Amino acid sequence: MSASDSERWRDAQAPGLDVFEDLAAAAFAALPQDFRNLARDVIIRIEDFPDDETLEAMECETPFDLLGLFQGNGLAQGGGMVWTGQMPNTIFLYRRPILDYWADHEETLGGLITHVFVHEIGHHFGLSDEDMEAIERQAESEGD
C-alpha cells in the first residue's frame, strides 16, 4: 500500500445506510432492462441487521450470517398478484453483515452489493444459480 493509499483510508468511515441505498439503486440500474421490468414492484430496504425474528427463522448463529433476504411471494410461487392484506415483496440488504463480509474478501463493495441484490431478486423469480451468475455478468459488462 502506498502512502497515498494509507492517507486516503486513514479518515475513511464505513458507508452508512444512505450510501448503501445509492449502491443498491446503482446495482438495480445496471441490471438488464427485462429483469428490472419484472422486479419493478419489489421494495428494497437497507437495514443494519436482520431483526431477531428473522435471525431465528433463518436459523442464523450470529447477526452477521445473513447478508440479504427476499420476503414475500416470488413469481415462481405465484406472487405476481398482490392480495388484500398481503405485505409487498421486499428485498432486505443488511449493511453491517455486508461490510463484515467485504472486509474479509477481495471483492469491491459495489460488486458485493450487486451480488447479494441479484441473488435476492433471483429468489423472487425462482432463478437458478447459473441464471443469477449470467445476470451478474451482464450487469458488470453494462456497468463498465
N, C-alpha and C. Protein backbone atom coordinates (compact mmCIF):
# COMPACT_ATOMS: atom_id res chain seq x y z
N MET A 1 0.85 -1.17 0.00
CA MET A 1 0.00 0.00 0.00
C MET A 1 0.90 1.23 0.00
N SER A 2 0.63 2.14 -0.90
CA SER A 2 1.43 3.35 -0.98
C SER A 2 0.98 4.33 0.10
N ALA A 3 1.80 5.35 0.31
CA ALA A 3 1.47 6.37 1.31
C ALA A 3 0.16 7.06 0.97
N SER A 4 -0.10 7.30 -0.33
CA SER A 4 -1.34 7.96 -0.71
C SER A 4 -2.56 7.08 -0.42
N ASP A 5 -2.40 5.75 -0.57
CA ASP A 5 -3.49 4.84 -0.24
C ASP A 5 -3.80 4.88 1.25
N SER A 6 -2.76 4.84 2.07
CA SER A 6 -2.99 4.86 3.51
C SER A 6 -3.56 6.21 3.95
N GLU A 7 -3.15 7.28 3.31
CA GLU A 7 -3.71 8.61 3.61
C GLU A 7 -5.21 8.64 3.31
N ARG A 8 -5.57 8.06 2.17
CA ARG A 8 -6.96 8.06 1.73
C ARG A 8 -7.84 7.26 2.70
N TRP A 9 -7.33 6.16 3.25
CA TRP A 9 -8.11 5.31 4.13
C TRP A 9 -8.08 5.76 5.58
N ARG A 10 -7.10 6.56 5.97
CA ARG A 10 -6.93 6.95 7.37
C ARG A 10 -8.18 7.59 7.95
N ASP A 11 -8.84 8.45 7.21
CA ASP A 11 -10.01 9.16 7.71
C ASP A 11 -11.33 8.62 7.16
N ALA A 12 -11.26 7.51 6.45
CA ALA A 12 -12.47 6.93 5.86
C ALA A 12 -13.37 6.34 6.94
N GLN A 13 -14.67 6.46 6.71
CA GLN A 13 -15.65 5.86 7.61
C GLN A 13 -16.45 4.83 6.83
N ALA A 14 -17.02 3.90 7.54
CA ALA A 14 -17.86 2.89 6.89
C ALA A 14 -19.05 3.58 6.25
N PRO A 15 -19.42 3.15 5.04
CA PRO A 15 -20.57 3.77 4.38
C PRO A 15 -21.85 3.52 5.17
N GLY A 16 -22.67 4.55 5.28
CA GLY A 16 -23.92 4.46 6.03
C GLY A 16 -25.06 3.92 5.18
N LEU A 17 -26.24 3.92 5.77
CA LEU A 17 -27.42 3.40 5.10
C LEU A 17 -27.73 4.16 3.81
N ASP A 18 -27.49 5.48 3.82
CA ASP A 18 -27.77 6.28 2.62
C ASP A 18 -26.86 5.89 1.46
N VAL A 19 -25.60 5.62 1.74
CA VAL A 19 -24.67 5.18 0.69
C VAL A 19 -25.09 3.81 0.18
N PHE A 20 -25.51 2.93 1.07
CA PHE A 20 -25.98 1.61 0.65
C PHE A 20 -27.21 1.73 -0.24
N GLU A 21 -28.09 2.67 0.08
CA GLU A 21 -29.27 2.89 -0.78
C GLU A 21 -28.83 3.31 -2.17
N ASP A 22 -27.84 4.20 -2.24
CA ASP A 22 -27.31 4.64 -3.55
C ASP A 22 -26.66 3.48 -4.29
N LEU A 23 -25.89 2.64 -3.59
CA LEU A 23 -25.25 1.48 -4.22
C LEU A 23 -26.28 0.47 -4.70
N ALA A 24 -27.34 0.27 -3.92
CA ALA A 24 -28.41 -0.65 -4.33
C ALA A 24 -29.14 -0.10 -5.56
N ALA A 25 -29.37 1.21 -5.58
CA ALA A 25 -30.03 1.83 -6.75
C ALA A 25 -29.15 1.68 -7.99
N ALA A 26 -27.85 1.87 -7.83
CA ALA A 26 -26.92 1.71 -8.96
C ALA A 26 -26.88 0.26 -9.42
N ALA A 27 -26.90 -0.68 -8.47
CA ALA A 27 -26.90 -2.10 -8.82
C ALA A 27 -28.17 -2.44 -9.60
N PHE A 28 -29.30 -1.92 -9.15
CA PHE A 28 -30.56 -2.18 -9.85
C PHE A 28 -30.54 -1.57 -11.25
N ALA A 29 -30.02 -0.36 -11.37
CA ALA A 29 -29.97 0.32 -12.67
C ALA A 29 -29.08 -0.42 -13.67
N ALA A 30 -28.09 -1.15 -13.19
CA ALA A 30 -27.17 -1.86 -14.08
C ALA A 30 -27.70 -3.22 -14.53
N LEU A 31 -28.81 -3.66 -13.94
CA LEU A 31 -29.39 -4.95 -14.32
C LEU A 31 -30.04 -4.85 -15.70
N PRO A 32 -30.14 -5.97 -16.40
CA PRO A 32 -30.80 -5.96 -17.71
C PRO A 32 -32.23 -5.41 -17.61
N GLN A 33 -32.64 -4.64 -18.60
CA GLN A 33 -33.94 -3.96 -18.59
C GLN A 33 -35.11 -4.92 -18.37
N ASP A 34 -35.10 -6.06 -19.02
CA ASP A 34 -36.20 -7.03 -18.86
C ASP A 34 -36.31 -7.49 -17.41
N PHE A 35 -35.17 -7.71 -16.79
CA PHE A 35 -35.11 -8.14 -15.40
C PHE A 35 -35.66 -7.03 -14.50
N ARG A 36 -35.25 -5.79 -14.76
CA ARG A 36 -35.75 -4.65 -13.96
C ARG A 36 -37.25 -4.49 -14.10
N ASN A 37 -37.76 -4.65 -15.31
CA ASN A 37 -39.20 -4.51 -15.53
C ASN A 37 -39.98 -5.50 -14.68
N LEU A 38 -39.51 -6.72 -14.59
CA LEU A 38 -40.20 -7.74 -13.81
C LEU A 38 -40.10 -7.48 -12.31
N ALA A 39 -39.04 -6.83 -11.88
CA ALA A 39 -38.81 -6.59 -10.45
C ALA A 39 -39.22 -5.19 -10.00
N ARG A 40 -39.91 -4.45 -10.84
CA ARG A 40 -40.19 -3.05 -10.54
C ARG A 40 -41.05 -2.85 -9.29
N ASP A 41 -41.88 -3.83 -8.92
CA ASP A 41 -42.74 -3.67 -7.75
C ASP A 41 -42.13 -4.19 -6.46
N VAL A 42 -40.91 -4.70 -6.52
CA VAL A 42 -40.24 -5.20 -5.32
C VAL A 42 -39.67 -4.02 -4.55
N ILE A 43 -39.95 -3.96 -3.26
CA ILE A 43 -39.43 -2.90 -2.41
C ILE A 43 -38.05 -3.29 -1.92
N ILE A 44 -37.14 -2.33 -1.90
CA ILE A 44 -35.77 -2.57 -1.44
C ILE A 44 -35.58 -1.81 -0.14
N ARG A 45 -35.15 -2.52 0.91
CA ARG A 45 -34.90 -1.90 2.20
C ARG A 45 -33.48 -2.20 2.63
N ILE A 46 -32.84 -1.19 3.17
CA ILE A 46 -31.49 -1.32 3.70
C ILE A 46 -31.59 -1.18 5.22
N GLU A 47 -31.06 -2.17 5.92
CA GLU A 47 -31.06 -2.12 7.38
C GLU A 47 -29.68 -2.54 7.87
N ASP A 48 -29.36 -2.15 9.08
CA ASP A 48 -28.06 -2.53 9.63
C ASP A 48 -27.96 -4.03 9.84
N PHE A 49 -28.98 -4.62 10.45
CA PHE A 49 -29.00 -6.06 10.74
C PHE A 49 -30.42 -6.59 10.55
N PRO A 50 -30.53 -7.91 10.35
CA PRO A 50 -31.86 -8.53 10.40
C PRO A 50 -32.40 -8.46 11.82
N ASP A 51 -33.73 -8.45 11.95
CA ASP A 51 -34.31 -8.46 13.29
C ASP A 51 -34.20 -9.86 13.90
N ASP A 52 -34.45 -9.95 15.20
CA ASP A 52 -34.30 -11.23 15.92
C ASP A 52 -35.21 -12.31 15.36
N GLU A 53 -36.43 -11.94 14.98
CA GLU A 53 -37.37 -12.92 14.43
C GLU A 53 -36.82 -13.53 13.13
N THR A 54 -36.25 -12.70 12.28
CA THR A 54 -35.67 -13.18 11.02
C THR A 54 -34.47 -14.07 11.29
N LEU A 55 -33.61 -13.66 12.21
CA LEU A 55 -32.43 -14.47 12.54
C LEU A 55 -32.84 -15.85 13.04
N GLU A 56 -33.89 -15.89 13.87
CA GLU A 56 -34.36 -17.17 14.40
C GLU A 56 -34.98 -18.02 13.28
N ALA A 57 -35.81 -17.39 12.44
CA ALA A 57 -36.47 -18.12 11.35
C ALA A 57 -35.46 -18.68 10.35
N MET A 58 -34.37 -17.96 10.12
CA MET A 58 -33.35 -18.39 9.16
C MET A 58 -32.27 -19.25 9.83
N GLU A 59 -32.43 -19.50 11.14
CA GLU A 59 -31.51 -20.32 11.92
C GLU A 59 -30.06 -19.81 11.84
N CYS A 60 -29.92 -18.50 11.97
CA CYS A 60 -28.60 -17.88 11.94
C CYS A 60 -27.95 -17.98 13.32
N GLU A 61 -26.66 -18.24 13.31
CA GLU A 61 -25.92 -18.32 14.57
C GLU A 61 -25.58 -16.93 15.10
N THR A 62 -25.31 -16.00 14.18
CA THR A 62 -24.99 -14.62 14.58
C THR A 62 -25.73 -13.65 13.66
N PRO A 63 -25.84 -12.38 14.04
CA PRO A 63 -26.48 -11.39 13.19
C PRO A 63 -25.70 -11.12 11.89
N PHE A 64 -24.46 -11.61 11.82
CA PHE A 64 -23.63 -11.38 10.63
C PHE A 64 -23.78 -12.48 9.58
N ASP A 65 -24.61 -13.49 9.86
CA ASP A 65 -24.73 -14.63 8.95
C ASP A 65 -25.58 -14.34 7.72
N LEU A 66 -26.41 -13.32 7.78
CA LEU A 66 -27.36 -13.05 6.70
C LEU A 66 -27.04 -11.71 6.03
N LEU A 67 -26.69 -11.74 4.74
CA LEU A 67 -26.34 -10.52 4.00
C LEU A 67 -27.57 -9.86 3.39
N GLY A 68 -28.52 -10.66 3.00
CA GLY A 68 -29.73 -10.15 2.37
C GLY A 68 -30.84 -11.16 2.49
N LEU A 69 -32.07 -10.71 2.20
CA LEU A 69 -33.22 -11.60 2.32
C LEU A 69 -34.34 -11.12 1.43
N PHE A 70 -34.97 -12.06 0.73
CA PHE A 70 -36.20 -11.78 -0.01
C PHE A 70 -37.36 -12.26 0.85
N GLN A 71 -38.33 -11.38 1.11
CA GLN A 71 -39.53 -11.77 1.84
C GLN A 71 -40.73 -11.49 0.96
N GLY A 72 -41.57 -12.48 0.85
CA GLY A 72 -42.80 -12.30 0.07
C GLY A 72 -43.08 -13.55 -0.73
N ASN A 73 -43.91 -13.38 -1.72
CA ASN A 73 -44.28 -14.47 -2.63
C ASN A 73 -43.66 -14.16 -3.98
N GLY A 74 -42.66 -14.92 -4.32
CA GLY A 74 -41.99 -14.71 -5.59
C GLY A 74 -42.84 -15.10 -6.77
N LEU A 75 -42.44 -14.66 -7.94
CA LEU A 75 -43.16 -15.01 -9.16
C LEU A 75 -43.21 -16.52 -9.34
N ALA A 76 -42.17 -17.20 -8.91
CA ALA A 76 -42.13 -18.66 -9.04
C ALA A 76 -43.18 -19.34 -8.15
N GLN A 77 -43.65 -18.64 -7.12
CA GLN A 77 -44.68 -19.18 -6.24
C GLN A 77 -46.03 -18.52 -6.50
N GLY A 78 -46.20 -17.91 -7.67
CA GLY A 78 -47.46 -17.26 -8.00
C GLY A 78 -47.60 -15.90 -7.36
N GLY A 79 -46.48 -15.26 -7.05
CA GLY A 79 -46.51 -13.97 -6.35
C GLY A 79 -46.67 -12.77 -7.24
N GLY A 80 -47.07 -12.94 -8.47
CA GLY A 80 -47.24 -11.81 -9.37
C GLY A 80 -48.45 -10.97 -9.03
N MET A 81 -49.39 -11.51 -8.26
CA MET A 81 -50.61 -10.80 -7.92
C MET A 81 -50.60 -10.53 -6.42
N VAL A 82 -50.94 -9.30 -6.05
CA VAL A 82 -50.98 -8.92 -4.64
C VAL A 82 -52.43 -9.00 -4.16
N TRP A 83 -52.61 -9.68 -3.04
CA TRP A 83 -53.94 -9.83 -2.46
C TRP A 83 -54.08 -8.85 -1.30
N THR A 84 -55.31 -8.47 -0.99
CA THR A 84 -55.58 -7.56 0.11
C THR A 84 -54.96 -8.11 1.39
N GLY A 85 -54.27 -7.26 2.11
CA GLY A 85 -53.65 -7.65 3.36
C GLY A 85 -52.29 -8.29 3.22
N GLN A 86 -51.88 -8.60 2.02
CA GLN A 86 -50.57 -9.22 1.79
C GLN A 86 -49.49 -8.14 1.81
N MET A 87 -48.42 -8.40 2.52
CA MET A 87 -47.30 -7.46 2.53
C MET A 87 -46.61 -7.49 1.17
N PRO A 88 -46.08 -6.36 0.74
CA PRO A 88 -45.41 -6.34 -0.58
C PRO A 88 -44.12 -7.15 -0.56
N ASN A 89 -43.74 -7.67 -1.72
CA ASN A 89 -42.45 -8.35 -1.83
C ASN A 89 -41.35 -7.35 -1.51
N THR A 90 -40.42 -7.76 -0.66
CA THR A 90 -39.37 -6.87 -0.18
C THR A 90 -38.03 -7.58 -0.19
N ILE A 91 -37.01 -6.86 -0.62
CA ILE A 91 -35.64 -7.34 -0.52
C ILE A 91 -34.94 -6.50 0.53
N PHE A 92 -34.35 -7.19 1.50
CA PHE A 92 -33.57 -6.53 2.54
C PHE A 92 -32.09 -6.74 2.23
N LEU A 93 -31.32 -5.67 2.30
CA LEU A 93 -29.86 -5.75 2.27
C LEU A 93 -29.39 -5.30 3.65
N TYR A 94 -28.55 -6.12 4.28
CA TYR A 94 -28.10 -5.85 5.64
C TYR A 94 -26.68 -5.28 5.63
N ARG A 95 -26.59 -4.00 5.96
CA ARG A 95 -25.36 -3.23 5.83
C ARG A 95 -24.20 -3.81 6.62
N ARG A 96 -24.35 -4.03 7.91
CA ARG A 96 -23.23 -4.47 8.74
C ARG A 96 -22.71 -5.84 8.33
N PRO A 97 -23.56 -6.85 8.09
CA PRO A 97 -23.04 -8.14 7.62
C PRO A 97 -22.34 -8.02 6.26
N ILE A 98 -22.87 -7.18 5.37
CA ILE A 98 -22.23 -6.99 4.07
C ILE A 98 -20.85 -6.36 4.26
N LEU A 99 -20.76 -5.35 5.12
CA LEU A 99 -19.45 -4.73 5.38
C LEU A 99 -18.47 -5.72 5.99
N ASP A 100 -18.95 -6.55 6.89
CA ASP A 100 -18.09 -7.56 7.53
C ASP A 100 -17.57 -8.54 6.48
N TYR A 101 -18.44 -9.02 5.62
CA TYR A 101 -18.05 -9.94 4.56
C TYR A 101 -17.05 -9.26 3.61
N TRP A 102 -17.33 -8.02 3.24
CA TRP A 102 -16.47 -7.25 2.34
C TRP A 102 -15.06 -7.12 2.92
N ALA A 103 -14.97 -6.88 4.22
CA ALA A 103 -13.66 -6.69 4.87
C ALA A 103 -12.81 -7.96 4.79
N ASP A 104 -13.45 -9.12 4.70
CA ASP A 104 -12.73 -10.39 4.71
C ASP A 104 -12.51 -11.00 3.33
N HIS A 105 -12.99 -10.34 2.28
CA HIS A 105 -12.90 -10.91 0.93
C HIS A 105 -12.36 -9.88 -0.06
N GLU A 106 -11.83 -10.37 -1.14
CA GLU A 106 -11.27 -9.48 -2.16
C GLU A 106 -12.33 -9.22 -3.23
N GLU A 107 -13.25 -8.36 -2.88
CA GLU A 107 -14.35 -8.01 -3.76
C GLU A 107 -14.67 -6.54 -3.51
N THR A 108 -15.09 -5.82 -4.55
CA THR A 108 -15.47 -4.43 -4.33
C THR A 108 -16.80 -4.39 -3.58
N LEU A 109 -17.03 -3.33 -2.87
CA LEU A 109 -18.28 -3.19 -2.12
C LEU A 109 -19.46 -3.14 -3.10
N GLY A 110 -19.32 -2.39 -4.17
CA GLY A 110 -20.39 -2.31 -5.16
C GLY A 110 -20.68 -3.66 -5.79
N GLY A 111 -19.62 -4.42 -6.08
CA GLY A 111 -19.79 -5.75 -6.66
C GLY A 111 -20.49 -6.70 -5.70
N LEU A 112 -20.15 -6.60 -4.43
CA LEU A 112 -20.77 -7.46 -3.42
C LEU A 112 -22.25 -7.12 -3.26
N ILE A 113 -22.58 -5.84 -3.21
CA ILE A 113 -23.98 -5.42 -3.09
C ILE A 113 -24.76 -5.89 -4.31
N THR A 114 -24.17 -5.79 -5.50
CA THR A 114 -24.83 -6.28 -6.70
C THR A 114 -25.08 -7.78 -6.59
N HIS A 115 -24.07 -8.52 -6.12
CA HIS A 115 -24.21 -9.97 -5.98
C HIS A 115 -25.36 -10.33 -5.04
N VAL A 116 -25.40 -9.71 -3.88
CA VAL A 116 -26.46 -10.02 -2.90
C VAL A 116 -27.81 -9.61 -3.47
N PHE A 117 -27.86 -8.46 -4.09
CA PHE A 117 -29.10 -7.93 -4.67
C PHE A 117 -29.64 -8.87 -5.75
N VAL A 118 -28.78 -9.29 -6.67
CA VAL A 118 -29.20 -10.20 -7.75
C VAL A 118 -29.65 -11.54 -7.16
N HIS A 119 -28.93 -12.02 -6.16
CA HIS A 119 -29.29 -13.28 -5.53
C HIS A 119 -30.69 -13.20 -4.91
N GLU A 120 -30.96 -12.11 -4.22
CA GLU A 120 -32.27 -11.97 -3.57
C GLU A 120 -33.38 -11.75 -4.60
N ILE A 121 -33.13 -10.98 -5.64
CA ILE A 121 -34.12 -10.82 -6.71
C ILE A 121 -34.33 -12.17 -7.40
N GLY A 122 -33.26 -12.94 -7.53
CA GLY A 122 -33.36 -14.26 -8.13
C GLY A 122 -34.35 -15.15 -7.40
N HIS A 123 -34.46 -15.00 -6.08
CA HIS A 123 -35.45 -15.76 -5.32
C HIS A 123 -36.86 -15.36 -5.74
N HIS A 124 -37.05 -14.07 -6.04
CA HIS A 124 -38.35 -13.58 -6.50
C HIS A 124 -38.77 -14.29 -7.79
N PHE A 125 -37.81 -14.54 -8.66
CA PHE A 125 -38.10 -15.15 -9.95
C PHE A 125 -37.93 -16.67 -9.96
N GLY A 126 -37.37 -17.24 -8.90
CA GLY A 126 -37.13 -18.68 -8.89
C GLY A 126 -36.00 -19.08 -9.82
N LEU A 127 -34.99 -18.21 -9.95
CA LEU A 127 -33.88 -18.47 -10.87
C LEU A 127 -32.86 -19.43 -10.27
N SER A 128 -32.15 -20.11 -11.15
CA SER A 128 -31.05 -20.98 -10.73
C SER A 128 -29.81 -20.12 -10.44
N ASP A 129 -28.83 -20.72 -9.78
CA ASP A 129 -27.56 -20.01 -9.53
C ASP A 129 -26.90 -19.62 -10.85
N GLU A 130 -26.99 -20.48 -11.85
CA GLU A 130 -26.39 -20.18 -13.16
C GLU A 130 -27.07 -18.98 -13.81
N ASP A 131 -28.40 -18.90 -13.70
CA ASP A 131 -29.14 -17.75 -14.24
C ASP A 131 -28.69 -16.46 -13.56
N MET A 132 -28.55 -16.53 -12.23
CA MET A 132 -28.15 -15.34 -11.47
C MET A 132 -26.73 -14.91 -11.83
N GLU A 133 -25.83 -15.87 -12.02
CA GLU A 133 -24.46 -15.55 -12.41
C GLU A 133 -24.43 -14.87 -13.78
N ALA A 134 -25.27 -15.32 -14.70
CA ALA A 134 -25.33 -14.71 -16.03
C ALA A 134 -25.83 -13.27 -15.94
N ILE A 135 -26.80 -13.03 -15.08
CA ILE A 135 -27.33 -11.67 -14.90
C ILE A 135 -26.27 -10.77 -14.29
N GLU A 136 -25.52 -11.29 -13.32
CA GLU A 136 -24.44 -10.51 -12.72
C GLU A 136 -23.37 -10.15 -13.75
N ARG A 137 -23.01 -11.12 -14.59
CA ARG A 137 -22.02 -10.83 -15.63
C ARG A 137 -22.52 -9.76 -16.58
N GLN A 138 -23.79 -9.83 -16.96
CA GLN A 138 -24.36 -8.82 -17.85
C GLN A 138 -24.39 -7.45 -17.16
N ALA A 139 -24.72 -7.41 -15.88
CA ALA A 139 -24.74 -6.15 -15.15
C ALA A 139 -23.34 -5.56 -15.06
N GLU A 140 -22.33 -6.42 -14.83
CA GLU A 140 -20.94 -5.95 -14.76
C GLU A 140 -20.49 -5.38 -16.10
N SER A 141 -20.85 -6.04 -17.20
CA SER A 141 -20.42 -5.55 -18.51
C SER A 141 -21.12 -4.26 -18.87
N GLU A 142 -22.38 -4.09 -18.47
CA GLU A 142 -23.09 -2.84 -18.72
C GLU A 142 -22.59 -1.71 -17.83
N GLY A 143 -22.07 -2.07 -16.64
CA GLY A 143 -21.54 -1.07 -15.73
C GLY A 143 -20.16 -0.57 -16.11
N ASP A 144 -19.43 -1.31 -16.99
CA ASP A 144 -18.08 -0.91 -17.40
C ASP A 144 -18.11 0.22 -18.40
